[in-house]
Amino acid sequence: ISRDNAKNTVYLQMNSLKLEDTAVYYCAAHGRRYEYAYWGQ
């Protein structure tokens, strides 16, 4: 996982993918204590 602060973007580089990695992947944003969550589609 990495981020680009200038672009307000977070990335997930996934290598050596396995069959069990199959899923819907969601991005989320939280406060410092996980007091809220915003979710991507």
PDB file of all heavy atoms in Angstrom:
ATOM      1  N   ILE A   1       0.850  -1.178   0.000  1.00  0.00           N
ATOM      2  CA  ILE A   1       0.000   0.000   0.000  1.00  0.00           C
ATOM      3  C   ILE A   1       0.890   1.234   0.000  1.00  0.00           C
ATOM      4  O   ILE A   1       1.925   1.270   0.669  1.00  0.00           O
ATOM      5  CB  ILE A   1      -0.970   0.004   1.202  1.00  0.00           C
ATOM      6  CG1 ILE A   1      -1.987   1.143   1.080  1.00  0.00           C
ATOM      7  CG2 ILE A   1      -0.222   0.073   2.522  1.00  0.00           C
ATOM      8  CD1 ILE A   1      -3.125   1.063   2.103  1.00  0.00           C
ATOM      9  N   SER A   2       0.505   2.230  -0.757  1.00  0.00           N
ATOM     10  CA  SER A   2       1.270   3.461  -0.830  1.00  0.00           C
ATOM     11  C   SER A   2       0.323   4.622  -1.078  1.00  0.00           C
ATOM     12  O   SER A   2      -0.874   4.427  -1.319  1.00  0.00           O
ATOM     13  CB  SER A   2       2.343   3.386  -1.921  1.00  0.00           C
ATOM     14  OG  SER A   2       1.753   3.198  -3.202  1.00  0.00           O
ATOM     15  N   ARG A   3       0.850   5.820  -1.011  1.00  0.00           N
ATOM     16  CA  ARG A   3       0.018   6.996  -1.207  1.00  0.00           C
ATOM     17  C   ARG A   3       0.772   8.075  -1.945  1.00  0.00           C
ATOM     18  O   ARG A   3       2.000   8.136  -1.924  1.00  0.00           O
ATOM     19  CB  ARG A   3      -0.466   7.534   0.143  1.00  0.00           C
ATOM     20  CG  ARG A   3       0.677   8.007   1.028  1.00  0.00           C
ATOM     21  CD  ARG A   3       0.201   8.587   2.319  1.00  0.00           C
ATOM     22  NE  ARG A   3       1.307   9.156   3.068  1.00  0.00           N
ATOM     23  CZ  ARG A   3       1.178   9.933   4.116  1.00  0.00           C
ATOM     24  NH1 ARG A   3      -0.034  10.236   4.562  1.00  0.00           N
ATOM     25  NH2 ARG A   3       2.254  10.404   4.733  1.00  0.00           N
ATOM     26  N   ASP A   4       0.021   8.928  -2.593  1.00  0.00           N
ATOM     27  CA  ASP A   4       0.539  10.117  -3.236  1.00  0.00           C
ATOM     28  C   ASP A   4      -0.237  11.283  -2.643  1.00  0.00           C
ATOM     29  O   ASP A   4      -1.384  11.524  -3.024  1.00  0.00           O
ATOM     30  CB  ASP A   4       0.365  10.045  -4.749  1.00  0.00           C
ATOM     31  CG  ASP A   4       0.994  11.223  -5.477  1.00  0.00           C
ATOM     32  OD1 ASP A   4       1.126  12.304  -4.886  1.00  0.00           O
ATOM     33  OD2 ASP A   4       1.357  11.057  -6.659  1.00  0.00           O
ATOM     34  N   ASN A   5       0.370  11.979  -1.703  1.00  0.00           N
ATOM     35  CA  ASN A   5      -0.330  13.048  -0.996  1.00  0.00           C
ATOM     36  C   ASN A   5      -0.764  14.182  -1.923  1.00  0.00           C
ATOM     37  O   ASN A   5      -1.826  14.772  -1.733  1.00  0.00           O
ATOM     38  CB  ASN A   5       0.549  13.605   0.126  1.00  0.00           C
ATOM     39  CG  ASN A   5       0.710  12.644   1.275  1.00  0.00           C
ATOM     40  OD1 ASN A   5      -0.167  11.819   1.537  1.00  0.00           O
ATOM     41  ND2 ASN A   5       1.825  12.742   1.973  1.00  0.00           N
ATOM     42  N   ALA A   6       0.054  14.490  -2.908  1.00  0.00           N
ATOM     43  CA  ALA A   6      -0.278  15.566  -3.833  1.00  0.00           C
ATOM     44  C   ALA A   6      -1.544  15.268  -4.614  1.00  0.00           C
ATOM     45  O   ALA A   6      -2.288  16.182  -4.979  1.00  0.00           O
ATOM     46  CB  ALA A   6       0.890  15.827  -4.777  1.00  0.00           C
ATOM     47  N   LYS A   7      -1.776  14.004  -4.876  1.00  0.00           N
ATOM     48  CA  LYS A   7      -2.951  13.599  -5.645  1.00  0.00           C
ATOM     49  C   LYS A   7      -4.075  13.061  -4.768  1.00  0.00           C
ATOM     50  O   LYS A   7      -5.127  12.675  -5.294  1.00  0.00           O
ATOM     51  CB  LYS A   7      -2.573  12.531  -6.668  1.00  0.00           C
ATOM     52  CG  LYS A   7      -1.586  13.004  -7.725  1.00  0.00           C
ATOM     53  CD  LYS A   7      -1.264  11.888  -8.702  1.00  0.00           C
ATOM     54  CE  LYS A   7      -0.301  12.353  -9.779  1.00  0.00           C
ATOM     55  NZ  LYS A   7       0.030  11.264 -10.728  1.00  0.00           N
ATOM     56  N   ASN A   8      -3.868  13.037  -3.455  1.00  0.00           N
ATOM     57  CA  ASN A   8      -4.847  12.461  -2.533  1.00  0.00           C
ATOM     58  C   ASN A   8      -5.275  11.070  -2.986  1.00  0.00           C
ATOM     59  O   ASN A   8      -6.463  10.736  -3.012  1.00  0.00           O
ATOM     60  CB  ASN A   8      -6.065  13.375  -2.385  1.00  0.00           C
ATOM     61  CG  ASN A   8      -5.751  14.658  -1.663  1.00  0.00           C
ATOM     62  OD1 ASN A   8      -5.002  14.664  -0.686  1.00  0.00           O
ATOM     63  ND2 ASN A   8      -6.321  15.754  -2.127  1.00  0.00           N
ATOM     64  N   THR A   9      -4.304  10.288  -3.330  1.00  0.00           N
ATOM     65  CA  THR A   9      -4.557   8.978  -3.900  1.00  0.00           C
ATOM     66  C   THR A   9      -3.784   7.909  -3.138  1.00  0.00           C
ATOM     67  O   THR A   9      -2.626   8.117  -2.768  1.00  0.00           O
ATOM     68  CB  THR A   9      -4.164   8.940  -5.385  1.00  0.00           C
ATOM     69  OG1 THR A   9      -4.928   9.915  -6.097  1.00  0.00           O
ATOM     70  CG2 THR A   9      -4.422   7.572  -5.986  1.00  0.00           C
ATOM     71  N   VAL A  10      -4.432   6.789  -2.912  1.00  0.00           N
ATOM     72  CA  VAL A  10      -3.798   5.638  -2.294  1.00  0.00           C
ATOM     73  C   VAL A  10      -3.809   4.496  -3.301  1.00  0.00           C
ATOM     74  O   VAL A  10      -4.747   4.355  -4.093  1.00  0.00           O
ATOM     75  CB  VAL A  10      -4.497   5.244  -0.977  1.00  0.00           C
ATOM     76  CG1 VAL A  10      -5.938   4.816  -1.222  1.00  0.00           C
ATOM     77  CG2 VAL A  10      -3.716   4.154  -0.265  1.00  0.00           C
ATOM     78  N   TYR A  11      -2.762   3.695  -3.265  1.00  0.00           N
ATOM     79  CA  TYR A  11      -2.604   2.608  -4.212  1.00  0.00           C
ATOM     80  C   TYR A  11      -2.453   1.286  -3.476  1.00  0.00           C
ATOM     81  O   TYR A  11      -2.030   1.232  -2.329  1.00  0.00           O
ATOM     82  CB  TYR A  11      -1.362   2.818  -5.080  1.00  0.00           C
ATOM     83  CG  TYR A  11      -1.332   4.133  -5.812  1.00  0.00           C
ATOM     84  CD1 TYR A  11      -0.683   5.239  -5.271  1.00  0.00           C
ATOM     85  CD2 TYR A  11      -1.952   4.276  -7.050  1.00  0.00           C
ATOM     86  CE1 TYR A  11      -0.645   6.445  -5.940  1.00  0.00           C
ATOM     87  CE2 TYR A  11      -1.925   5.480  -7.728  1.00  0.00           C
ATOM     88  CZ  TYR A  11      -1.268   6.565  -7.173  1.00  0.00           C
ATOM     89  OH  TYR A  11      -1.235   7.763  -7.840  1.00  0.00           O
ATOM     90  N   LEU A  12      -2.786   0.240  -4.163  1.00  0.00           N
ATOM     91  CA  LEU A  12      -2.505  -1.101  -3.680  1.00  0.00           C
ATOM     92  C   LEU A  12      -1.870  -1.881  -4.818  1.00  0.00           C
ATOM     93  O   LEU A  12      -2.546  -2.226  -5.798  1.00  0.00           O
ATOM     94  CB  LEU A  12      -3.772  -1.808  -3.197  1.00  0.00           C
ATOM     95  CG  LEU A  12      -3.544  -3.178  -2.561  1.00  0.00           C
ATOM     96  CD1 LEU A  12      -2.807  -3.030  -1.229  1.00  0.00           C
ATOM     97  CD2 LEU A  12      -4.862  -3.915  -2.360  1.00  0.00           C
ATOM     98  N   GLN A  13      -0.581  -2.119  -4.699  1.00  0.00           N
ATOM     99  CA  GLN A  13       0.131  -2.931  -5.663  1.00  0.00           C
ATOM    100  C   GLN A  13       0.022  -4.381  -5.229  1.00  0.00           C
ATOM    101  O   GLN A  13       0.443  -4.738  -4.128  1.00  0.00           O
ATOM    102  CB  GLN A  13       1.596  -2.515  -5.752  1.00  0.00           C
ATOM    103  CG  GLN A  13       2.434  -3.347  -6.713  1.00  0.00           C
ATOM    104  CD  GLN A  13       2.027  -3.160  -8.150  1.00  0.00           C
ATOM    105  OE1 GLN A  13       1.864  -2.033  -8.609  1.00  0.00           O
ATOM    106  NE2 GLN A  13       1.845  -4.255  -8.870  1.00  0.00           N
ATOM    107  N   MET A  14      -0.539  -5.210  -6.076  1.00  0.00           N
ATOM    108  CA  MET A  14      -0.776  -6.609  -5.761  1.00  0.00           C
ATOM    109  C   MET A  14       0.057  -7.469  -6.690  1.00  0.00           C
ATOM    110  O   MET A  14      -0.157  -7.474  -7.901  1.00  0.00           O
ATOM    111  CB  MET A  14      -2.260  -6.954  -5.896  1.00  0.00           C
ATOM    112  CG  MET A  14      -3.174  -6.069  -5.058  1.00  0.00           C
ATOM    113  SD  MET A  14      -4.911  -6.581  -5.144  1.00  0.00           S
ATOM    114  CE  MET A  14      -5.249  -6.218  -6.865  1.00  0.00           C
ATOM    115  N   ASN A  15       0.995  -8.186  -6.125  1.00  0.00           N
ATOM    116  CA  ASN A  15       1.861  -9.074  -6.876  1.00  0.00           C
ATOM    117  C   ASN A  15       1.625 -10.515  -6.452  1.00  0.00           C
ATOM    118  O   ASN A  15       1.058 -10.785  -5.403  1.00  0.00           O
ATOM    119  CB  ASN A  15       3.331  -8.710  -6.660  1.00  0.00           C
ATOM    120  CG  ASN A  15       3.678  -7.325  -7.134  1.00  0.00           C
ATOM    121  OD1 ASN A  15       3.126  -6.823  -8.105  1.00  0.00           O
ATOM    122  ND2 ASN A  15       4.626  -6.681  -6.454  1.00  0.00           N
ATOM    123  N   SER A  16       2.102 -11.426  -7.277  1.00  0.00           N
ATOM    124  CA  SER A  16       1.982 -12.858  -6.985  1.00  0.00           C
ATOM    125  C   SER A  16       0.562 -13.231  -6.593  1.00  0.00           C
ATOM    126  O   SER A  16       0.325 -13.918  -5.599  1.00  0.00           O
ATOM    127  CB  SER A  16       2.971 -13.251  -5.884  1.00  0.00           C
ATOM    128  OG  SER A  16       4.301 -12.946  -6.252  1.00  0.00           O
ATOM    129  N   LEU A  17      -0.380 -12.785  -7.378  1.00  0.00           N
ATOM    130  CA  LEU A  17      -1.791 -12.977  -7.041  1.00  0.00           C
ATOM    131  C   LEU A  17      -2.162 -14.450  -7.029  1.00  0.00           C
ATOM    132  O   LEU A  17      -1.691 -15.238  -7.850  1.00  0.00           O
ATOM    133  CB  LEU A  17      -2.674 -12.215  -8.018  1.00  0.00           C
ATOM    134  CG  LEU A  17      -2.740 -10.708  -7.759  1.00  0.00           C
ATOM    135  CD1 LEU A  17      -3.231  -9.964  -8.987  1.00  0.00           C
ATOM    136  CD2 LEU A  17      -3.647 -10.425  -6.561  1.00  0.00           C
ATOM    137  N   LYS A  18      -3.010 -14.793  -6.084  1.00  0.00           N
ATOM    138  CA  LYS A  18      -3.507 -16.145  -5.906  1.00  0.00           C
ATOM    139  C   LYS A  18      -5.009 -16.185  -6.151  1.00  0.00           C
ATOM    140  O   LYS A  18      -5.689 -15.168  -6.068  1.00  0.00           O
ATOM    141  CB  LYS A  18      -3.213 -16.640  -4.485  1.00  0.00           C
ATOM    142  CG  LYS A  18      -1.759 -16.571  -4.076  1.00  0.00           C
ATOM    143  CD  LYS A  18      -1.597 -16.953  -2.608  1.00  0.00           C
ATOM    144  CE  LYS A  18      -0.153 -16.898  -2.172  1.00  0.00           C
ATOM    145  NZ  LYS A  18      -0.009 -17.249  -0.733  1.00  0.00           N
ATOM    146  N   LEU A  19      -5.517 -17.373  -6.416  1.00  0.00           N
ATOM    147  CA  LEU A  19      -6.948 -17.522  -6.629  1.00  0.00           C
ATOM    148  C   LEU A  19      -7.753 -16.983  -5.452  1.00  0.00           C
ATOM    149  O   LEU A  19      -8.818 -16.381  -5.647  1.00  0.00           O
ATOM    150  CB  LEU A  19      -7.312 -18.983  -6.878  1.00  0.00           C
ATOM    151  CG  LEU A  19      -7.347 -19.445  -8.335  1.00  0.00           C
ATOM    152  CD1 LEU A  19      -5.975 -19.309  -8.991  1.00  0.00           C
ATOM    153  CD2 LEU A  19      -7.837 -20.886  -8.426  1.00  0.00           C
ATOM    154  N   GLU A  20      -7.257 -17.178  -4.242  1.00  0.00           N
ATOM    155  CA  GLU A  20      -7.969 -16.735  -3.062  1.00  0.00           C
ATOM    156  C   GLU A  20      -7.969 -15.227  -2.867  1.00  0.00           C
ATOM    157  O   GLU A  20      -8.625 -14.720  -1.952  1.00  0.00           O
ATOM    158  CB  GLU A  20      -7.416 -17.425  -1.801  1.00  0.00           C
ATOM    159  CG  GLU A  20      -5.916 -17.310  -1.670  1.00  0.00           C
ATOM    160  CD  GLU A  20      -5.181 -18.539  -2.182  1.00  0.00           C
ATOM    161  OE1 GLU A  20      -5.559 -19.061  -3.244  1.00  0.00           O
ATOM    162  OE2 GLU A  20      -4.228 -18.981  -1.499  1.00  0.00           O
ATOM    163  N   ASP A  21      -7.245 -14.506  -3.703  1.00  0.00           N
ATOM    164  CA  ASP A  21      -7.301 -13.047  -3.674  1.00  0.00           C
ATOM    165  C   ASP A  21      -8.520 -12.501  -4.405  1.00  0.00           C
ATOM    166  O   ASP A  21      -8.784 -11.296  -4.355  1.00  0.00           O
ATOM    167  CB  ASP A  21      -6.037 -12.442  -4.289  1.00  0.00           C
ATOM    168  CG  ASP A  21      -4.791 -12.733  -3.477  1.00  0.00           C
ATOM    169  OD1 ASP A  21      -4.855 -12.662  -2.235  1.00  0.00           O
ATOM    170  OD2 ASP A  21      -3.745 -13.027  -4.095  1.00  0.00           O
ATOM    171  N   THR A  22      -9.241 -13.352  -5.090  1.00  0.00           N
ATOM    172  CA  THR A  22     -10.427 -12.915  -5.813  1.00  0.00           C
ATOM    173  C   THR A  22     -11.449 -12.329  -4.846  1.00  0.00           C
ATOM    174  O   THR A  22     -11.855 -12.977  -3.881  1.00  0.00           O
ATOM    175  CB  THR A  22     -11.050 -14.080  -6.581  1.00  0.00           C
ATOM    176  OG1 THR A  22     -10.146 -14.514  -7.604  1.00  0.00           O
ATOM    177  CG2 THR A  22     -12.363 -13.668  -7.228  1.00  0.00           C
ATOM    178  N   ALA A  23     -11.867 -11.095  -5.099  1.00  0.00           N
ATOM    179  CA  ALA A  23     -12.793 -10.401  -4.217  1.00  0.00           C
ATOM    180  C   ALA A  23     -13.116  -9.042  -4.814  1.00  0.00           C
ATOM    181  O   ALA A  23     -12.480  -8.602  -5.776  1.00  0.00           O
ATOM    182  CB  ALA A  23     -12.189 -10.214  -2.817  1.00  0.00           C
ATOM    183  N   VAL A  24     -14.111  -8.390  -4.229  1.00  0.00           N
ATOM    184  CA  VAL A  24     -14.317  -6.975  -4.486  1.00  0.00           C
ATOM    185  C   VAL A  24     -13.448  -6.211  -3.498  1.00  0.00           C
ATOM    186  O   VAL A  24     -13.527  -6.440  -2.291  1.00  0.00           O
ATOM    187  CB  VAL A  24     -15.787  -6.561  -4.337  1.00  0.00           C
ATOM    188  CG1 VAL A  24     -15.945  -5.061  -4.544  1.00  0.00           C
ATOM    189  CG2 VAL A  24     -16.649  -7.327  -5.329  1.00  0.00           C
ATOM    190  N   TYR A  25     -12.625  -5.325  -4.003  1.00  0.00           N
ATOM    191  CA  TYR A  25     -11.728  -4.549  -3.179  1.00  0.00           C
ATOM    192  C   TYR A  25     -12.282  -3.147  -2.983  1.00  0.00           C
ATOM    193  O   TYR A  25     -12.677  -2.484  -3.941  1.00  0.00           O
ATOM    194  CB  TYR A  25     -10.340  -4.481  -3.819  1.00  0.00           C
ATOM    195  CG  TYR A  25      -9.559  -5.762  -3.650  1.00  0.00           C
ATOM    196  CD1 TYR A  25      -9.931  -6.911  -4.342  1.00  0.00           C
ATOM    197  CD2 TYR A  25      -8.471  -5.826  -2.784  1.00  0.00           C
ATOM    198  CE1 TYR A  25      -9.238  -8.095  -4.172  1.00  0.00           C
ATOM    199  CE2 TYR A  25      -7.769  -7.001  -2.612  1.00  0.00           C
ATOM    200  CZ  TYR A  25      -8.155  -8.135  -3.311  1.00  0.00           C
ATOM    201  OH  TYR A  25      -7.455  -9.309  -3.138  1.00  0.00           O
ATOM    202  N   TYR A  26     -12.310  -2.710  -1.729  1.00  0.00           N
ATOM    203  CA  TYR A  26     -12.865  -1.415  -1.362  1.00  0.00           C
ATOM    204  C   TYR A  26     -11.802  -0.533  -0.735  1.00  0.00           C
ATOM    205  O   TYR A  26     -11.023  -0.990   0.103  1.00  0.00           O
ATOM    206  CB  TYR A  26     -14.004  -1.572  -0.352  1.00  0.00           C
ATOM    207  CG  TYR A  26     -15.198  -2.331  -0.862  1.00  0.00           C
ATOM    208  CD1 TYR A  26     -15.303  -3.706  -0.669  1.00  0.00           C
ATOM    209  CD2 TYR A  26     -16.231  -1.683  -1.526  1.00  0.00           C
ATOM    210  CE1 TYR A  26     -16.392  -4.411  -1.133  1.00  0.00           C
ATOM    211  CE2 TYR A  26     -17.323  -2.376  -1.987  1.00  0.00           C
ATOM    212  CZ  TYR A  26     -17.404  -3.740  -1.785  1.00  0.00           C
ATOM    213  OH  TYR A  26     -18.488  -4.435  -2.243  1.00  0.00           O
ATOM    214  N   CYS A  27     -11.810   0.703  -1.111  1.00  0.00           N
ATOM    215  CA  CYS A  27     -10.992   1.718  -0.472  1.00  0.00           C
ATOM    216  C   CYS A  27     -11.799   2.383   0.630  1.00  0.00           C
ATOM    217  O   CYS A  27     -13.005   2.578   0.485  1.00  0.00           O
ATOM    218  CB  CYS A  27     -10.546   2.751  -1.511  1.00  0.00           C
ATOM    219  SG  CYS A  27      -9.563   4.111  -0.871  1.00  0.00           S
ATOM    220  N   ALA A  28     -11.144   2.735   1.731  1.00  0.00           N
ATOM    221  CA  ALA A  28     -11.815   3.415   2.828  1.00  0.00           C
ATOM    222  C   ALA A  28     -10.920   4.491   3.417  1.00  0.00           C
ATOM    223  O   ALA A  28      -9.695   4.377   3.404  1.00  0.00           O
ATOM    224  CB  ALA A  28     -12.206   2.423   3.927  1.00  0.00           C
ATOM    225  N   ALA A  29     -11.560   5.529   3.947  1.00  0.00           N
ATOM    226  CA  ALA A  29     -10.868   6.610   4.632  1.00  0.00           C
ATOM    227  C   ALA A  29     -11.392   6.705   6.052  1.00  0.00           C
ATOM    228  O   ALA A  29     -12.608   6.652   6.277  1.00  0.00           O
ATOM    229  CB  ALA A  29     -11.067   7.933   3.899  1.00  0.00           C
ATOM    230  N   HIS A  30     -10.486   6.852   7.021  1.00  0.00           N
ATOM    231  CA  HIS A  30     -10.841   6.866   8.435  1.00  0.00           C
ATOM    232  C   HIS A  30     -10.166   8.016   9.159  1.00  0.00           C
ATOM    233  O   HIS A  30      -9.126   8.524   8.735  1.00  0.00           O
ATOM    234  CB  HIS A  30     -10.396   5.581   9.140  1.00  0.00           C
ATOM    235  CG  HIS A  30     -10.839   4.317   8.499  1.00  0.00           C
ATOM    236  ND1 HIS A  30     -12.108   3.825   8.641  1.00  0.00           N
ATOM    237  CD2 HIS A  30     -10.158   3.438   7.718  1.00  0.00           C
ATOM    238  CE1 HIS A  30     -12.209   2.684   7.976  1.00  0.00           C
ATOM    239  NE2 HIS A  30     -11.030   2.430   7.414  1.00  0.00           N
ATOM    240  N   GLY A  31     -10.763   8.397  10.300  1.00  0.00           N
ATOM    241  CA  GLY A  31     -10.072   9.239  11.243  1.00  0.00           C
ATOM    242  C   GLY A  31      -9.026   8.433  11.998  1.00  0.00           C
ATOM    243  O   GLY A  31      -8.931   7.212  11.856  1.00  0.00           O
ATOM    244  N   ARG A  32      -8.275   9.108  12.826  1.00  0.00           N
ATOM    245  CA  ARG A  32      -7.147   8.472  13.485  1.00  0.00           C
ATOM    246  C   ARG A  32      -7.536   7.344  14.419  1.00  0.00           C
ATOM    247  O   ARG A  32      -6.707   6.487  14.737  1.00  0.00           O
ATOM    248  CB  ARG A  32      -6.314   9.515  14.238  1.00  0.00           C
ATOM    249  CG  ARG A  32      -7.038  10.196  15.383  1.00  0.00           C
ATOM    250  CD  ARG A  32      -6.268  11.412  15.868  1.00  0.00           C
ATOM    251  NE  ARG A  32      -4.892  11.099  16.203  1.00  0.00           N
ATOM    252  CZ  ARG A  32      -3.951  11.999  16.434  1.00  0.00           C
ATOM    253  NH1 ARG A  32      -4.242  13.285  16.348  1.00  0.00           N
ATOM    254  NH2 ARG A  32      -2.730  11.616  16.738  1.00  0.00           N
ATOM    255  N   ARG A  33      -8.761   7.337  14.880  1.00  0.00           N
ATOM    256  CA  ARG A  33      -9.256   6.282  15.760  1.00  0.00           C
ATOM    257  C   ARG A  33     -10.352   5.448  15.103  1.00  0.00           C
ATOM    258  O   ARG A  33     -11.138   4.799  15.790  1.00  0.00           O
ATOM    259  CB  ARG A  33      -9.754   6.879  17.072  1.00  0.00           C
ATOM    260  CG  ARG A  33      -8.662   7.546  17.904  1.00  0.00           C
ATOM    261  CD  ARG A  33      -9.228   8.152  19.176  1.00  0.00           C
ATOM    262  NE  ARG A  33     -10.159   9.229  18.884  1.00  0.00           N
ATOM    263  CZ  ARG A  33      -9.805  10.470  18.607  1.00  0.00           C
ATOM    264  NH1 ARG A  33      -8.517  10.805  18.576  1.00  0.00           N
ATOM    265  NH2 ARG A  33     -10.724  11.384  18.345  1.00  0.00           N
ATOM    266  N   TYR A  34     -10.389   5.469  13.786  1.00  0.00           N
ATOM    267  CA  TYR A  34     -11.394   4.730  13.037  1.00  0.00           C
ATOM    268  C   TYR A  34     -12.804   5.137  13.460  1.00  0.00           C
ATOM    269  O   TYR A  34     -13.726   4.318  13.425  1.00  0.00           O
ATOM    270  CB  TYR A  34     -11.213   3.229  13.197  1.00  0.00           C
ATOM    271  CG  TYR A  34      -9.946   2.691  12.576  1.00  0.00           C
ATOM    272  CD1 TYR A  34      -8.755   2.665  13.290  1.00  0.00           C
ATOM    273  CD2 TYR A  34      -9.945   2.206  11.272  1.00  0.00           C
ATOM    274  CE1 TYR A  34      -7.591   2.179  12.716  1.00  0.00           C
ATOM    275  CE2 TYR A  34      -8.786   1.716  10.699  1.00  0.00           C
ATOM    276  CZ  TYR A  34      -7.616   1.707  11.426  1.00  0.00           C
ATOM    277  OH  TYR A  34      -6.461   1.217  10.859  1.00  0.00           O
ATOM    278  N   GLU A  35     -12.980   6.399  13.818  1.00  0.00           N
ATOM    279  CA  GLU A  35     -14.267   6.866  14.295  1.00  0.00           C
ATOM    280  C   GLU A  35     -15.281   7.050  13.169  1.00  0.00           C
ATOM    281  O   GLU A  35     -16.474   7.209  13.431  1.00  0.00           O
ATOM    282  CB  GLU A  35     -14.118   8.168  15.095  1.00  0.00           C
ATOM    283  CG  GLU A  35     -13.641   9.358  14.279  1.00  0.00           C
ATOM    284  CD  GLU A  35     -12.132   9.515  14.284  1.00  0.00           C
ATOM    285  OE1 GLU A  35     -11.424   8.493  14.281  1.00  0.00           O
ATOM    286  OE2 GLU A  35     -11.659  10.672  14.298  1.00  0.00           O
ATOM    287  N   TYR A  36     -14.825   7.051  11.951  1.00  0.00           N
ATOM    288  CA  TYR A  36     -15.714   7.115  10.810  1.00  0.00           C
ATOM    289  C   TYR A  36     -15.097   6.351   9.656  1.00  0.00           C
ATOM    290  O   TYR A  36     -13.914   6.009   9.682  1.00  0.00           O
ATOM    291  CB  TYR A  36     -16.023   8.563  10.389  1.00  0.00           C
ATOM    292  CG  TYR A  36     -14.804   9.367   9.980  1.00  0.00           C
ATOM    293  CD1 TYR A  36     -14.236   9.216   8.724  1.00  0.00           C
ATOM    294  CD2 TYR A  36     -14.231  10.283  10.852  1.00  0.00           C
ATOM    295  CE1 TYR A  36     -13.118   9.942   8.350  1.00  0.00           C
ATOM    296  CE2 TYR A  36     -13.114  11.015  10.487  1.00  0.00           C
ATOM    297  CZ  TYR A  36     -12.561  10.842   9.234  1.00  0.00           C
ATOM    298  OH  TYR A  36     -11.448  11.572   8.866  1.00  0.00           O
ATOM    299  N   ALA A  37     -15.908   6.106   8.655  1.00  0.00           N
ATOM    300  CA  ALA A  37     -15.423   5.432   7.459  1.00  0.00           C
ATOM    301  C   ALA A  37     -16.158   5.962   6.239  1.00  0.00           C
ATOM    302  O   ALA A  37     -17.384   6.046   6.237  1.00  0.00           O
ATOM    303  CB  ALA A  37     -15.611   3.924   7.574  1.00  0.00           C
ATOM    304  N   TYR A  38     -15.420   6.331   5.244  1.00  0.00           N
ATOM    305  CA  TYR A  38     -15.957   6.622   3.929  1.00  0.00           C
ATOM    306  C   TYR A  38     -15.488   5.521   2.999  1.00  0.00           C
ATOM    307  O   TYR A  38     -14.334   5.102   3.059  1.00  0.00           O
ATOM    308  CB  TYR A  38     -15.479   7.982   3.419  1.00  0.00           C
ATOM    309  CG  TYR A  38     -15.959   9.153   4.228  1.00  0.00           C
ATOM    310  CD1 TYR A  38     -15.174   9.703   5.223  1.00  0.00           C
ATOM    311  CD2 TYR A  38     -17.210   9.720   3.984  1.00  0.00           C
ATOM    312  CE1 TYR A  38     -15.617  10.784   5.969  1.00  0.00           C
ATOM    313  CE2 TYR A  38     -17.656  10.801   4.722  1.00  0.00           C
ATOM    314  CZ  TYR A  38     -16.851  11.332   5.717  1.00  0.00           C
ATOM    315  OH  TYR A  38     -17.292  12.411   6.444  1.00  0.00           O
ATOM    316  N   TRP A  39     -16.370   5.095   2.133  1.00  0.00           N
ATOM    317  CA  TRP A  39     -16.091   3.936   1.302  1.00  0.00           C
ATOM    318  C   TRP A  39     -16.173   4.258  -0.174  1.00  0.00           C
ATOM    319  O   TRP A  39     -17.016   5.039  -0.614  1.00  0.00           O
ATOM    320  CB  TRP A  39     -17.078   2.810   1.604  1.00  0.00           C
ATOM    321  CG  TRP A  39     -16.945   2.283   2.994  1.00  0.00           C
ATOM    322  CD1 TRP A  39     -17.662   2.662   4.083  1.00  0.00           C
ATOM    323  CD2 TRP A  39     -16.038   1.278   3.436  1.00  0.00           C
ATOM    324  NE1 TRP A  39     -17.252   1.954   5.184  1.00  0.00           N
ATOM    325  CE2 TRP A  39     -16.255   1.100   4.815  1.00  0.00           C
ATOM    326  CE3 TRP A  39     -15.058   0.512   2.801  1.00  0.00           C
ATOM    327  CZ2 TRP A  39     -15.533   0.184   5.570  1.00  0.00           C
ATOM    328  CZ3 TRP A  39     -14.336  -0.395   3.544  1.00  0.00           C
ATOM    329  CH2 TRP A  39     -14.581  -0.551   4.917  1.00  0.00           C
ATOM    330  N   GLY A  40     -15.303   3.641  -0.927  1.00  0.00           N
ATOM    331  CA  GLY A  40     -15.404   3.692  -2.370  1.00  0.00           C
ATOM    332  C   GLY A  40     -16.439   2.703  -2.869  1.00  0.00           C
ATOM    333  O   GLY A  40     -17.069   1.972  -2.101  1.00  0.00           O
ATOM    334  N   GLN A  41     -16.617   2.676  -4.162  1.00  0.00           N
ATOM    335  CA  GLN A  41     -17.655   1.843  -4.761  1.00  0.00           C
ATOM    336  C   GLN A  41     -17.249   0.386  -4.891  1.00  0.00           C
ATOM    337  O   GLN A  41     -18.101  -0.481  -5.108  1.00  0.00           O
ATOM    338  CB  GLN A  41     -18.031   2.393  -6.146  1.00  0.00           C
ATOM    339  CG  GLN A  41     -17.051   2.064  -7.271  1.00  0.00           C
ATOM    340  CD  GLN A  41     -15.796   2.912  -7.274  1.00  0.00           C
ATOM    341  OE1 GLN A  41     -15.589   3.766  -6.412  1.00  0.00           O
ATOM    342  NE2 GLN A  41     -14.933   2.672  -8.270  1.00  0.00           N
TER     343      GLN A  41
END
